[in-house]
Protein backbone atom coordinates (compact mmCIF):
# COMPACT_ATOMS: atom_id res chain seq x y z
CA GLN A 1 0.00 0.00 0.00
CA ARG A 2 2.98 2.31 0.53
CA LYS A 3 3.67 2.27 -3.20
CA ASN A 4 0.01 2.56 -4.21
CA PRO A 5 -0.50 6.12 -5.53
CA PHE A 6 -4.21 5.91 -4.73
CA SER A 7 -3.71 5.08 -1.05
CA ASN A 8 -4.38 7.94 1.34
CA ASP A 9 -3.44 6.03 4.47
CA ASP A 10 -0.95 8.29 6.31
CA ARG A 11 -0.18 5.58 8.87
CA LEU A 12 1.59 3.56 6.17
CA ALA A 13 3.70 6.49 5.02
CA SER A 14 5.05 7.10 8.53
CA LYS A 15 6.26 3.51 8.99
CA PRO A 16 9.76 2.57 7.93
CA LEU A 17 9.91 0.30 4.90
CA HIS A 18 12.09 -2.37 6.48
CA THR A 19 13.79 -2.87 9.79
CA HIS A 20 16.88 -4.96 10.25
CA ARG A 21 18.42 -6.78 13.17
CA GLY A 22 20.25 -4.32 15.31
CA ASP A 23 17.74 -1.52 14.71
CA SER A 24 16.15 -0.31 17.94
CA THR A 25 12.68 -0.82 16.43
CA TYR A 26 13.34 -4.35 15.11
CA GLY A 27 10.72 -6.79 16.43
CA ARG A 28 8.81 -4.06 18.26
CA PRO A 29 5.42 -2.54 17.53
CA PRO A 30 5.29 1.11 16.49
CA GLU A 31 5.39 3.54 19.41
CA GLY A 32 1.97 4.68 20.54
CA SER A 33 0.17 1.87 18.71
CA GLN A 34 -2.57 -0.28 20.19
CA THR A 35 -0.27 -3.28 19.79
CA GLU A 36 2.35 -1.62 21.97
CA GLN A 37 -0.29 -0.83 24.61
CA ARG A 38 -1.61 -4.42 24.59
CA GLY A 39 1.95 -5.67 25.13
CA LYS A 40 2.46 -3.31 28.06
CA ASP A 41 -0.86 -4.37 29.58
CA ALA A 42 0.01 -8.06 29.22
CA HIS A 43 3.45 -7.51 30.77
CA SER A 44 1.85 -5.73 33.72
CA HIS A 45 -0.75 -8.50 34.17
CA VAL A 46 1.89 -11.24 34.19
CA GLY A 47 3.97 -9.23 36.66
CA LYS A 48 1.01 -9.10 39.04
CA GLU A 49 0.51 -12.86 38.71
CA VAL A 50 4.19 -13.47 39.51
CA GLU A 51 3.86 -11.29 42.63
CA GLU A 52 0.75 -13.22 43.67
CA LEU A 53 2.56 -16.54 43.15
CA CYS A 54 5.43 -15.37 45.37
CA LEU A 55 2.96 -14.36 48.10
CA ILE A 56 1.31 -17.78 47.94
CA ILE A 57 4.70 -19.52 48.20
CA ARG A 58 5.51 -17.33 51.22
CA ARG A 59 2.15 -18.17 52.87
CA THR A 60 2.09 -21.92 52.17
CA GLY A 61 5.80 -22.73 52.33
CA GLU A 62 8.14 -23.38 55.21
CA VAL A 63 11.28 -21.45 56.10
CA GLY A 64 14.37 -23.59 55.70
CA GLU A 65 17.69 -23.45 57.54
CA ASP A 66 19.03 -21.09 54.89
CA GLY A 67 16.20 -18.63 55.58
CA HIS A 68 14.49 -19.18 52.23
CA VAL A 69 10.84 -20.24 52.01
CA SER A 70 10.26 -23.51 50.14
CA VAL A 71 7.20 -25.46 49.03
CA THR A 72 6.72 -28.60 46.96
CA PHE A 73 5.29 -28.27 43.48
CA GLY A 74 2.39 -30.57 44.42
CA GLN A 75 1.40 -28.39 47.37
CA LEU A 76 1.78 -25.20 45.32
CA PHE A 77 -0.18 -26.66 42.42
CA GLU A 78 -3.11 -27.63 44.65
CA THR A 79 -3.16 -24.17 46.24
CA TYR A 80 -2.55 -22.05 43.16
CA VAL A 81 -4.64 -23.94 40.57
CA THR A 82 -7.82 -22.66 42.23
CA ILE A 83 -6.58 -19.12 41.45
CA SER A 84 -5.05 -19.67 38.00
CA ASN A 85 -4.52 -22.60 35.65
CA LYS A 86 -1.25 -21.04 34.44
CA VAL A 87 0.83 -22.00 37.49
CA VAL A 88 3.67 -23.60 35.50
CA GLY A 89 4.00 -20.68 33.08
CA ILE A 90 4.01 -18.18 35.93
CA LEU A 91 6.61 -20.28 37.76
CA LEU A 92 8.84 -20.23 34.67
CA ARG A 93 8.48 -16.45 34.41
CA ALA A 94 9.27 -16.04 38.13
CA ARG A 95 12.41 -18.17 37.69
CA LYS A 96 13.45 -16.11 34.67
CA HIS A 97 13.30 -12.99 36.85
CA GLY A 98 15.31 -14.67 39.64
CA LEU A 99 12.44 -14.82 42.13
CA VAL A 100 12.20 -18.60 42.55
CA HIS A 101 14.43 -21.63 42.01
CA PHE A 102 13.59 -25.23 41.15
CA GLU A 103 15.33 -28.08 39.37
CA GLY A 104 14.39 -29.07 35.84
CA GLU A 105 13.17 -27.32 32.73
CA MET A 106 9.43 -27.96 33.16
CA LEU A 107 7.23 -29.18 35.99
CA TRP A 108 4.49 -31.75 35.41
CA GLN A 109 1.56 -32.41 37.71
CA GLY A 110 1.89 -35.82 39.35
CA LYS A 111 5.41 -36.55 38.13
CA ASP A 112 7.07 -33.52 39.75
CA ASP A 113 4.90 -33.11 42.85
CA ASP A 114 7.93 -33.55 45.15
CA VAL A 115 10.14 -30.96 43.41
CA ILE A 116 11.08 -28.20 45.85
CA ILE A 117 10.37 -24.62 44.77
CA THR A 118 12.38 -22.06 46.72
CA LEU A 119 11.42 -18.40 46.98
CA LEU A 120 14.52 -16.27 46.51
């Protein structure tokens, strides 16, 4: 549409033709767009869920000798699943941000119920 002489869409004219790796805008929505706002809203929502998960671990877990609060995945799953069915995804996000620690790449209900999750 950028090359179409009959197009009057000014939004297209303001966008760069191509972005390349290394550009600050590469892989990002245009500033001020609805897409950018939806991304910010989603990031904020996930952040709140991570905070809630950490509070639940603190409430349901036990303080170990090292001073960190720990809970088993099975216990956390049973508690948290009534709040959200995304417990594993939120746990992975919390680990990415250095808030919790557990062994393994993924946790599975039943199989990994005894895995210890430590609140950092």
